[in-house]
Structures are given as C-alpha cells and as structure tokens.
C-alpha cells in the first residue's frame, strides 16, 4: 500500500471534494464535470520496446536476414506469425486482441518514430522524451505544457501518474497525484489505526498556507475520496476482462478514473520490462500478451466513452535491427508507437518506412528515425508547444 508520508503528500495539489458518492461504475456515464472533455492516456513503455517486433515489417526481406532466430513469421506462417495489418506490416501475434480496434479504424500505428538525439542511454533518452525536447535545457515536462496550453484547472485527479513517482513528463506541474496503484493510495493499518492517523495528519496540517500544509490537506482529501470510490472493488463494464499484472491494473484504474467524473484529463501509465537484451522472443511474448489484453479491455470497458479518450504508447528508443548473441537485441534508434481512440485516423500504419538494408540503417545498425517523436506528440496534443522544435506540424495520424 502507498503510505501517505510527508514526501508523498507534497506531490499533490489542487482542491478536492470529499463528498460520498455511489460507486461510480454503477452510474454508467461520465459526470457533467468531465462530459465532452477529451482525456489523454500516455502509456510509457520503459526500457526501449522493439518496434520491429511490435509492428513487424514482414514485406522487408532484410528483416528476416538480420533476425534469423528471433523474427516474427510472415502472416499465415504458423502460430508465431504476424497478424496482417496491410501489405507491408503485421502485428505481433500476442497483440492480436488489438486487431479489432485497428479494423474498426480506431487504432493506428506510427513506425520509424523516435528522437533525433543520438544517445543510447535509457535515462537521457527518457528525459528528452518526457521534456518533449532534445536540448537538455527544458525544465518542464511535455504533459505539464499540455495541461497549461489547454487551460486545465488542476485538482487531485486532473493529472494522475500510475506506476510510482510522478514522471518527468509532469515536471513543472505540482498538481499531480502519483501512486503505484489507486487502491494503494490510503493510510496504512486497520480501520481504527487509519482513523487515528487521519486525525493526527489533519491536526498536523490544519491551518496555514505554506505549500506543505496545503498539500497535506489535499492529500488527505484525495485519500478519503479514493476510499469512498472504492477503486479496489471496481467492476469493468461490457464484459471487459483485464489481465493480472501492472498493465491490466493500471489501465483498469485509468478507465475507472475516466468514468468516475473527477475531472481527470491526463493519465500517465508507467510500464517497465521492455529492455530485451536476452531471450527477447519469450519476454516479448509475455509482455505483449499483457499489454494487448489490457488495452483491448480498456477499449471494451469504456465503450462509447472511448470517443473522448486518446491513448498513446511511447518508448524512449527502439532496438538494433540485428539480433545479438543472446537471443535479444541491443539499444537502437527508431521504434513504433500506437495511438487509439478519439480523433485517430485508424486502420493505418503512419510514417515513412526507411527500409532495413545495410545502407538504409542509422549508423549501420538501427532502424532510422523518419518521424520526430515531437511531431507525433504535438499532433496528439495539438495545442502543446515544444521548445526549440521547428519541424513539420502534421503527421496525419489525427483527423
């Protein structure tokens, strides 16, 4: 469980309402506070996902020459074959649950997307992507700028980070609720202990206008609200079934937040496990199975409310084209990302394909970047401004 400590409390801001409500999953529709407002859900696949396994370039013979032991088979070539998307690309077989959304033109992919920065460091690349810049001088996060540019008024649930500490994407915005899981965001202990702790913290943070006391009061209000809404007893709608594990838990809670009518506008979901230096086929089989089922359940669970939600996956960079000696791939350059939901031109793989021949590779080893990640981010969050970026403003992934 997430302990409400002084450090955790200071992450929060805004004004909460703690009025008791009926379980939100029984209400069926979003409240007036959220109706008609688009929600951005950003899923960060930390560790550098292999875009060539996620969206398989099965028509490119060089893909199979470079990956004799770990390539995903062409569509129709057995159990481990790609799910055909078009004449060039296929989906990893464990992502097959996403095929209906693609067919319904609610899901799109962008290939050969990434940062023009040359770093192969996870930390530097993640910092750049979360800042929405590559200069290293930008101090705020791109999701914070989204919130400001959209005139979003902060409250405890306006911006939520699921997976741990508040990510750098929210840097510059003090009004972020960050937790590993909403069901864990509470005071520890039995009922009586919780009541005593609540009284003690309330007395500690009563009165005063300094940042710590204000944040403390808001944190206590938020924890009470989480308790009243009973996220740990959430029941998905429309027969949706989320897989166990981080992807399922965090996307179920994302759907719950959206339905609860708390004014949630931006959700950041952290998912690790994508650094596949060894045994890549088995590791991706597991991770993609969980991710595919979780995103498909999220879409099913929200139903018509998906019309006001845009989900985007991101990763700091891709993997090398050639397999290594341990059945994996090493740090690369470009990767693939997906966008699903409101306003998406789905049923397409967007972006310019650079090819995988030796003379087409970045530094002779990686899939080249043909779409700057800021182009995609800027189009998905159209009013966001990215410091120092003067590249093309439209990719065509959004209507």
Protein backbone atom coordinates (compact mmCIF):
# COMPACT_ATOMS: atom_id res chain seq x y z
CA UNK A 1 0.00 0.00 0.00
CA UNK A 2 1.08 3.60 -0.66
CA UNK A 3 1.96 5.20 2.64
CA UNK A 4 0.97 8.85 2.98
CA UNK A 5 4.28 10.34 4.06
CA UNK A 6 5.37 13.95 4.04
CA UNK A 7 7.25 13.28 0.75
CA UNK A 8 4.24 11.66 -0.93
CA UNK A 9 1.86 14.31 0.33
CA UNK A 10 3.87 17.18 -1.14
CA UNK A 11 3.32 15.80 -4.66
CA UNK A 12 -0.33 16.69 -4.54
CA UNK A 13 -2.09 19.96 -5.22
CA UNK A 14 -5.46 21.40 -6.11
CA UNK A 15 -8.76 21.29 -4.29
CA UNK A 16 -10.65 18.09 -3.68
CA UNK A 17 -14.22 17.40 -2.83
CA UNK A 18 -14.76 14.55 -0.44
CA UNK A 19 -18.49 14.10 -0.67
CA UNK A 20 -19.55 10.46 -0.56
CA UNK A 21 -20.90 9.14 -3.86
CA UNK A 22 -22.45 5.94 -5.11
CA UNK A 23 -19.98 3.53 -6.72
CA UNK A 24 -19.11 5.29 -9.96
CA UNK A 25 -19.20 2.11 -12.05
CA UNK A 26 -22.93 1.92 -11.41
CA UNK A 27 -23.58 5.37 -12.86
CA UNK A 28 -22.97 4.38 -16.48
CA UNK A 29 -21.98 7.82 -17.79
CA UNK A 30 -19.41 10.47 -17.02
CA UNK A 31 -20.46 13.37 -14.83
CA UNK A 32 -21.08 16.86 -16.15
CA UNK A 33 -17.64 17.81 -14.85
CA UNK A 34 -15.99 15.55 -17.45
CA UNK A 35 -18.61 15.22 -20.19
CA UNK A 36 -17.33 16.14 -23.62
CA UNK A 37 -13.75 16.69 -22.45
CA UNK A 38 -11.01 14.64 -24.05
CA UNK A 39 -8.72 12.60 -21.82
CA UNK A 40 -5.15 11.80 -22.84
CA UNK A 41 -3.73 8.48 -21.58
CA UNK A 42 0.01 8.16 -22.17
CA UNK A 43 1.49 4.67 -21.71
CA UNK A 44 5.27 4.84 -21.34
CA UNK A 45 6.92 1.51 -22.25
CA UNK A 46 10.19 1.99 -20.40
CA UNK A 47 13.26 0.09 -21.48
CA UNK A 48 13.01 0.67 -25.24
CA UNK A 49 10.43 -1.55 -26.90
CA UNK A 50 11.42 -3.38 -30.07
CA UNK A 51 9.20 -1.70 -32.65
CA UNK A 52 10.23 -4.29 -35.26
CA UNK A 53 8.53 -6.99 -33.18
CA UNK A 54 5.59 -4.79 -32.23
CA UNK A 55 4.77 -3.80 -35.83
CA UNK A 56 6.54 -6.38 -37.99
CA UNK A 57 7.83 -5.26 -41.42
CA UNK A 58 7.14 -8.69 -42.89
CA UNK A 59 7.45 -7.48 -46.50
CA UNK A 60 11.04 -6.36 -45.91
CA UNK A 61 13.34 -9.33 -46.63
CA UNK A 62 16.19 -7.65 -44.75
CA UNK A 63 14.22 -8.05 -41.52
CA UNK A 64 14.45 -11.83 -41.82
CA UNK A 65 18.09 -11.77 -42.90
CA UNK A 66 19.00 -9.77 -39.78
CA UNK A 67 16.96 -11.88 -37.35
CA UNK A 68 17.25 -15.49 -38.38
CA UNK A 69 16.34 -16.85 -34.92
CA UNK A 70 14.05 -14.22 -33.41
CA UNK A 71 12.00 -12.80 -36.29
CA UNK A 72 8.20 -12.93 -36.22
CA UNK A 73 6.98 -15.09 -39.10
CA UNK A 74 5.06 -13.67 -42.03
CA UNK A 75 1.25 -13.71 -41.70
CA UNK A 76 -0.21 -17.20 -42.16
CA UNK A 77 3.09 -18.98 -41.47
CA UNK A 78 2.26 -20.72 -38.21
CA UNK A 79 1.35 -19.96 -34.59
CA UNK A 80 4.07 -17.34 -34.21
CA UNK A 81 3.08 -15.44 -37.33
CA UNK A 82 2.26 -11.76 -37.53
CA UNK A 83 -1.34 -10.58 -37.69
CA UNK A 84 -1.65 -8.86 -41.06
CA UNK A 85 -2.29 -5.12 -40.94
CA UNK A 86 -1.60 -4.26 -44.57
CA UNK A 87 0.62 -5.33 -47.46
CA UNK A 88 3.78 -4.34 -45.60
CA UNK A 89 3.22 -4.64 -41.86
CA UNK A 90 1.82 -7.12 -39.35
CA UNK A 91 1.13 -7.08 -35.64
CA UNK A 92 2.97 -9.23 -33.10
CA UNK A 93 0.75 -12.31 -32.55
CA UNK A 94 0.34 -11.53 -28.84
CA UNK A 95 -1.09 -8.14 -29.78
CA UNK A 96 -3.90 -9.81 -31.76
CA UNK A 97 -6.53 -8.51 -29.26
CA UNK A 98 -5.88 -5.06 -30.77
CA UNK A 99 -6.74 -6.16 -34.32
CA UNK A 100 -10.49 -5.39 -33.94
CA UNK A 101 -9.72 -1.78 -32.97
CA UNK A 102 -7.41 -1.46 -35.97
CA UNK A 103 -10.03 -2.95 -38.28
CA UNK A 104 -12.62 -0.54 -36.85
CA UNK A 105 -10.22 2.31 -37.68
CA UNK A 106 -9.93 3.33 -34.04
CA UNK A 107 -6.27 2.33 -33.74
CA UNK A 108 -3.25 3.49 -35.72
CA UNK A 109 0.46 2.82 -35.57
CA UNK A 110 3.39 5.10 -36.34
CA UNK A 111 6.60 3.35 -37.43
CA UNK A 112 10.18 4.61 -37.53
CA UNK A 113 9.37 7.22 -34.88
CA UNK A 114 11.82 8.45 -32.28
CA UNK A 115 14.25 11.16 -31.26
CA UNK A 116 16.91 12.71 -33.48
CA UNK A 117 19.22 12.67 -30.45
CA UNK A 118 21.99 10.09 -30.79
CA UNK A 119 22.03 8.91 -27.18
CA UNK A 120 21.63 5.23 -26.38
CA UNK A 121 21.20 5.93 -22.68
CA UNK A 122 17.79 5.00 -21.30
CA UNK A 123 17.96 7.83 -18.79
CA UNK A 124 18.95 10.58 -21.22
CA UNK A 125 16.50 9.41 -23.89
CA UNK A 126 13.64 9.16 -21.40
CA UNK A 127 14.44 12.63 -20.06
CA UNK A 128 14.37 14.06 -23.58
CA UNK A 129 11.11 12.38 -24.46
CA UNK A 130 9.43 13.43 -21.24
CA UNK A 131 10.60 17.01 -21.70
CA UNK A 132 9.46 16.98 -25.33
CA UNK A 133 12.86 18.39 -26.30
CA UNK A 134 16.40 17.24 -27.04
CA UNK A 135 18.42 20.22 -25.88
CA UNK A 136 18.65 19.24 -22.22
CA UNK A 137 17.75 22.79 -21.20
CA UNK A 138 13.97 22.39 -20.95
CA UNK A 139 12.97 22.03 -17.32
CA UNK A 140 9.26 21.29 -17.53
CA UNK A 141 7.55 18.19 -18.87
CA UNK A 142 5.52 17.94 -22.06
CA UNK A 143 2.39 16.80 -20.20
CA UNK A 144 2.67 19.83 -17.91
CA UNK A 145 2.70 22.01 -21.02
CA UNK A 146 -0.30 20.15 -22.35
CA UNK A 147 -2.18 20.99 -19.18
CA UNK A 148 -1.20 24.66 -19.31
CA UNK A 149 -1.86 25.06 -23.02
CA UNK A 150 -5.30 23.54 -22.65
CA UNK A 151 -6.09 25.75 -19.67
CA UNK A 152 -6.66 22.71 -17.48
CA UNK A 153 -7.55 23.57 -13.92
CA UNK A 154 -5.70 21.28 -11.57
CA UNK A 155 -7.23 19.15 -8.87
CA UNK A 156 -6.14 15.91 -7.22
CA UNK A 157 -7.43 13.81 -10.09
CA UNK A 158 -6.89 16.17 -13.03
CA UNK A 159 -3.43 14.71 -13.69
CA UNK A 160 -2.66 11.22 -12.43
CA UNK A 161 0.51 9.13 -12.73
CA UNK A 162 0.10 5.39 -12.20
CA UNK A 163 3.18 3.29 -11.60
CA UNK A 164 5.16 5.09 -8.93
CA UNK A 165 6.68 8.53 -8.56
CA UNK A 166 5.48 11.43 -10.70
CA UNK A 167 7.32 11.16 -14.05
CA UNK A 168 9.36 13.95 -15.57
CA UNK A 169 6.55 14.39 -18.10
CA UNK A 170 4.68 16.21 -15.31
CA UNK A 171 7.68 18.26 -14.17
CA UNK A 172 6.65 21.83 -13.56
CA UNK A 173 3.14 20.91 -12.50
CA UNK A 174 2.75 20.48 -8.73
CA UNK A 175 -0.81 19.23 -9.03
CA UNK A 176 -0.20 15.56 -9.82
CA UNK A 177 -1.40 12.53 -7.94
CA UNK A 178 1.34 9.92 -8.29
CA UNK A 179 0.92 6.41 -6.93
CA UNK A 180 1.76 2.83 -7.80
CA UNK A 181 -1.95 1.98 -7.73
CA UNK A 182 -5.02 3.99 -6.71
CA UNK A 183 -6.21 1.16 -4.49
CA UNK A 184 -2.97 1.58 -2.52
CA UNK A 185 -3.36 5.32 -2.01
CA UNK A 186 -4.53 5.29 1.57
CA UNK A 187 -3.34 5.43 5.13
CA UNK A 188 -1.93 2.15 6.35
CA UNK A 189 -3.37 -0.03 9.05
CA UNK A 190 -6.69 -1.32 10.31
CA UNK A 191 -9.78 0.89 10.38
CA UNK A 192 -9.08 2.33 13.84
CA UNK A 193 -5.46 2.99 13.01
CA UNK A 194 -6.46 4.77 9.80
CA UNK A 195 -8.91 6.95 11.71
CA UNK A 196 -6.27 7.89 14.28
CA UNK A 197 -3.71 8.63 11.57
CA UNK A 198 -6.24 10.72 9.68
CA UNK A 199 -7.00 12.77 12.79
CA UNK A 200 -3.29 13.17 13.50
CA UNK A 201 -2.37 14.26 9.99
CA UNK A 202 -5.41 16.57 9.89
CA UNK A 203 -4.26 18.29 13.05
CA UNK A 204 -0.67 18.48 11.78
CA UNK A 205 -1.67 20.16 8.53
CA UNK A 206 -4.57 22.25 9.83
CA UNK A 207 -4.42 25.97 9.12
CA UNK A 208 -1.55 27.76 7.49
CA UNK A 209 -0.96 28.46 3.82
CA UNK A 210 2.57 27.13 3.30
CA UNK A 211 2.97 24.58 0.46
CA UNK A 212 3.49 21.57 2.75
CA UNK A 213 0.33 22.19 4.78
CA UNK A 214 -1.78 22.91 1.72
CA UNK A 215 -0.51 19.78 0.00
CA UNK A 216 -1.03 17.75 3.17
CA UNK A 217 -4.68 18.76 3.40
CA UNK A 218 -5.22 17.96 -0.27
CA UNK A 219 -3.52 14.58 0.07
CA UNK A 220 -5.78 13.62 2.95
CA UNK A 221 -8.84 14.72 0.98
CA UNK A 222 -7.65 12.70 -2.01
CA UNK A 223 -7.07 9.59 0.07
CA UNK A 224 -10.56 9.91 1.51
CA UNK A 225 -12.01 10.29 -1.98
CA UNK A 226 -10.14 7.21 -3.21
CA UNK A 227 -11.51 5.28 -0.27
CA UNK A 228 -15.09 6.39 -0.94
CA UNK A 229 -14.85 5.49 -4.64
CA UNK A 230 -13.54 2.00 -3.77
CA UNK A 231 -11.19 1.57 -6.72
CA UNK A 232 -10.12 -1.78 -5.29
CA UNK A 233 -13.65 -3.09 -5.91
CA UNK A 234 -14.03 -1.65 -9.41
CA UNK A 235 -16.09 -3.76 -11.82
CA UNK A 236 -15.35 -3.24 -15.55
CA UNK A 237 -18.27 -2.80 -17.95
CA UNK A 238 -19.29 -4.51 -21.19
CA UNK A 239 -17.74 -7.84 -20.25
CA UNK A 240 -14.21 -6.44 -20.24
CA UNK A 241 -11.60 -8.58 -18.51
CA UNK A 242 -8.25 -7.07 -17.64
CA UNK A 243 -5.19 -9.31 -17.27
CA UNK A 244 -3.38 -9.51 -13.98
CA UNK A 245 -0.21 -7.53 -13.64
CA UNK A 246 0.81 -3.87 -13.98
CA UNK A 247 -0.66 -3.26 -17.46
CA UNK A 248 -4.08 -4.61 -16.53
CA UNK A 249 -4.21 -2.96 -13.12
CA UNK A 250 -3.11 0.47 -14.33
CA UNK A 251 -5.32 0.58 -17.40
CA UNK A 252 -8.31 -0.63 -15.37
CA UNK A 253 -7.68 2.18 -12.91
CA UNK A 254 -7.30 4.61 -15.82
CA UNK A 255 -10.74 3.57 -17.09
CA UNK A 256 -12.12 3.87 -13.57
CA UNK A 257 -10.78 7.41 -13.23
CA UNK A 258 -12.29 8.45 -16.54
CA UNK A 259 -15.69 7.02 -15.59
CA UNK A 260 -15.66 8.47 -12.09
CA UNK A 261 -16.23 12.02 -13.30
CA UNK A 262 -13.42 13.51 -11.22
CA UNK A 263 -12.23 15.90 -13.91
CA UNK A 264 -9.35 13.65 -14.98
CA UNK A 265 -7.74 14.99 -18.16
CA UNK A 266 -4.28 13.40 -18.31
CA UNK A 267 -3.21 9.94 -17.13
CA UNK A 268 0.38 8.70 -17.33
CA UNK A 269 0.88 4.92 -17.07
CA UNK A 270 4.36 3.54 -16.47
CA UNK A 271 5.16 0.03 -17.74
CA UNK A 272 8.66 -1.41 -17.49
CA UNK A 273 10.14 -4.62 -18.82
CA UNK A 274 10.97 -3.72 -22.43
CA UNK A 275 14.79 -3.85 -22.30
CA UNK A 276 15.17 -7.17 -24.11
CA UNK A 277 18.91 -7.81 -24.39
CA UNK A 278 18.34 -11.53 -23.75
CA UNK A 279 15.69 -14.08 -24.62
CA UNK A 280 13.64 -11.48 -26.48
CA UNK A 281 11.01 -13.78 -28.07
CA UNK A 282 9.82 -15.21 -24.74
CA UNK A 283 9.97 -11.90 -22.91
CA UNK A 284 8.04 -10.04 -25.59
CA UNK A 285 5.52 -12.86 -25.82
CA UNK A 286 4.70 -12.32 -22.15
CA UNK A 287 4.80 -8.52 -22.16
CA UNK A 288 2.85 -8.07 -25.41
CA UNK A 289 0.22 -10.58 -24.26
CA UNK A 290 -0.42 -8.49 -21.14
CA UNK A 291 -0.32 -5.18 -22.99
CA UNK A 292 -2.58 -6.31 -25.83
CA UNK A 293 -5.20 -7.74 -23.48
CA UNK A 294 -5.05 -4.69 -21.21
CA UNK A 295 -5.51 -2.13 -23.99
CA UNK A 296 -8.28 -4.20 -25.60
CA UNK A 297 -10.05 -4.47 -22.23
CA UNK A 298 -9.65 -0.71 -21.70
CA UNK A 299 -11.39 -0.05 -25.03
CA UNK A 300 -14.18 -2.52 -24.27
CA UNK A 301 -14.63 -1.25 -20.73
CA UNK A 302 -15.04 2.39 -21.77
CA UNK A 303 -17.41 1.61 -24.65
CA UNK A 304 -18.85 4.86 -26.02
CA UNK A 305 -16.77 6.89 -23.60
CA UNK A 306 -13.75 5.88 -25.69
CA UNK A 307 -14.93 8.60 -28.08
CA UNK A 308 -13.46 11.18 -25.69
CA UNK A 309 -10.25 9.30 -24.85
CA UNK A 310 -6.97 9.19 -26.75
CA UNK A 311 -4.45 6.56 -25.69
CA UNK A 312 -0.86 6.76 -26.93
CA UNK A 313 2.08 4.43 -26.24
CA UNK A 314 5.62 5.79 -26.22
CA UNK A 315 9.11 4.37 -25.66
CA UNK A 316 12.46 6.12 -25.44
CA UNK A 317 14.00 4.39 -28.47
CA UNK A 318 13.95 1.08 -30.33
CA UNK A 319 16.29 -1.90 -30.66
CA UNK A 320 19.03 -2.90 -33.06
CA UNK A 321 17.90 -4.49 -36.33
CA UNK A 322 20.29 -7.42 -35.97
CA UNK A 323 19.85 -9.89 -33.15
CA UNK A 324 22.69 -10.29 -30.68
CA UNK A 325 24.34 -13.47 -29.43
CA UNK A 326 21.95 -13.98 -26.51
CA UNK A 327 18.68 -14.13 -28.40
CA UNK A 328 17.91 -10.46 -27.91
CA UNK A 329 18.58 -7.01 -29.32
CA UNK A 330 20.51 -4.01 -28.04
CA UNK A 331 19.79 -0.31 -27.75
CA UNK A 332 18.74 1.12 -31.09
CA UNK A 333 17.16 4.23 -32.56
CA UNK A 334 13.64 4.34 -34.04
CA UNK A 335 10.69 2.29 -32.78
CA UNK A 336 6.91 2.02 -33.23
CA UNK A 337 4.15 3.73 -31.25
CA UNK A 338 0.37 3.35 -31.26
CA UNK A 339 -2.49 5.82 -30.95
CA UNK A 340 -6.08 4.76 -30.24
CA UNK A 341 -9.38 6.49 -29.65
CA UNK A 342 -10.76 9.96 -30.14
CA UNK A 343 -9.91 11.62 -33.45
CA UNK A 344 -7.48 8.93 -34.61
CA UNK A 345 -7.11 8.10 -38.31
CA UNK A 346 -7.06 4.42 -37.59
CA UNK A 347 -6.58 1.33 -39.70
CA UNK A 348 -3.24 2.67 -40.96
CA UNK A 349 0.48 2.42 -40.24
CA UNK A 350 1.66 6.01 -40.49
CA UNK A 351 5.13 7.33 -41.13
CA UNK A 352 7.74 6.92 -43.85
CA UNK A 353 9.34 3.47 -43.88
CA UNK A 354 13.14 3.86 -44.33
CA UNK A 355 13.94 0.22 -45.06
CA UNK A 356 16.31 -2.22 -43.38
CA UNK A 357 19.04 -2.70 -45.97
CA UNK A 358 22.54 -2.04 -44.61
CA UNK A 359 22.86 1.32 -46.35
CA UNK A 360 19.45 2.42 -45.01
CA UNK A 361 20.23 1.84 -41.34
CA UNK A 362 21.08 4.51 -38.81
CA UNK A 363 24.82 4.20 -38.05
CA UNK A 364 24.74 0.92 -39.96
CA UNK A 365 22.78 -0.89 -37.22
CA UNK A 366 19.40 0.67 -36.36
CA UNK A 367 16.03 1.49 -37.87
CA UNK A 368 16.33 5.14 -38.88
CA UNK A 369 14.04 7.82 -37.44
CA UNK A 370 11.80 9.32 -40.11
CA UNK A 371 9.20 10.82 -37.74
CA UNK A 372 10.41 13.00 -34.88
CA UNK A 373 8.51 11.99 -31.72
CA UNK A 374 7.62 15.66 -31.15
CA UNK A 375 5.66 15.66 -34.40
CA UNK A 376 3.51 12.84 -33.06
CA UNK A 377 3.21 14.30 -29.57
CA UNK A 378 2.39 17.71 -30.98
CA UNK A 379 -0.33 16.31 -33.20
CA UNK A 380 -1.91 14.18 -30.48
CA UNK A 381 -1.87 17.16 -28.13
CA UNK A 382 -2.33 19.76 -30.84
CA UNK A 383 -2.03 22.86 -28.68
CA UNK A 384 1.15 21.75 -26.98
CA UNK A 385 4.25 23.74 -27.74
CA UNK A 386 7.67 22.11 -27.83
CA UNK A 387 10.62 24.47 -27.18
CA UNK A 388 13.19 24.63 -29.93
CA UNK A 389 11.28 22.44 -32.38
CA UNK A 390 10.53 23.82 -35.85
CA UNK A 391 9.82 20.60 -37.71
CA UNK A 392 6.66 19.57 -39.56
CA UNK A 393 3.48 20.08 -37.57
CA UNK A 394 1.26 17.37 -39.04
CA UNK A 395 1.79 13.65 -39.49
CA UNK A 396 -1.79 12.78 -40.39
CA UNK A 397 -2.37 10.34 -37.56
CA UNK A 398 -5.16 12.53 -36.16
CA UNK A 399 -8.24 13.64 -38.06
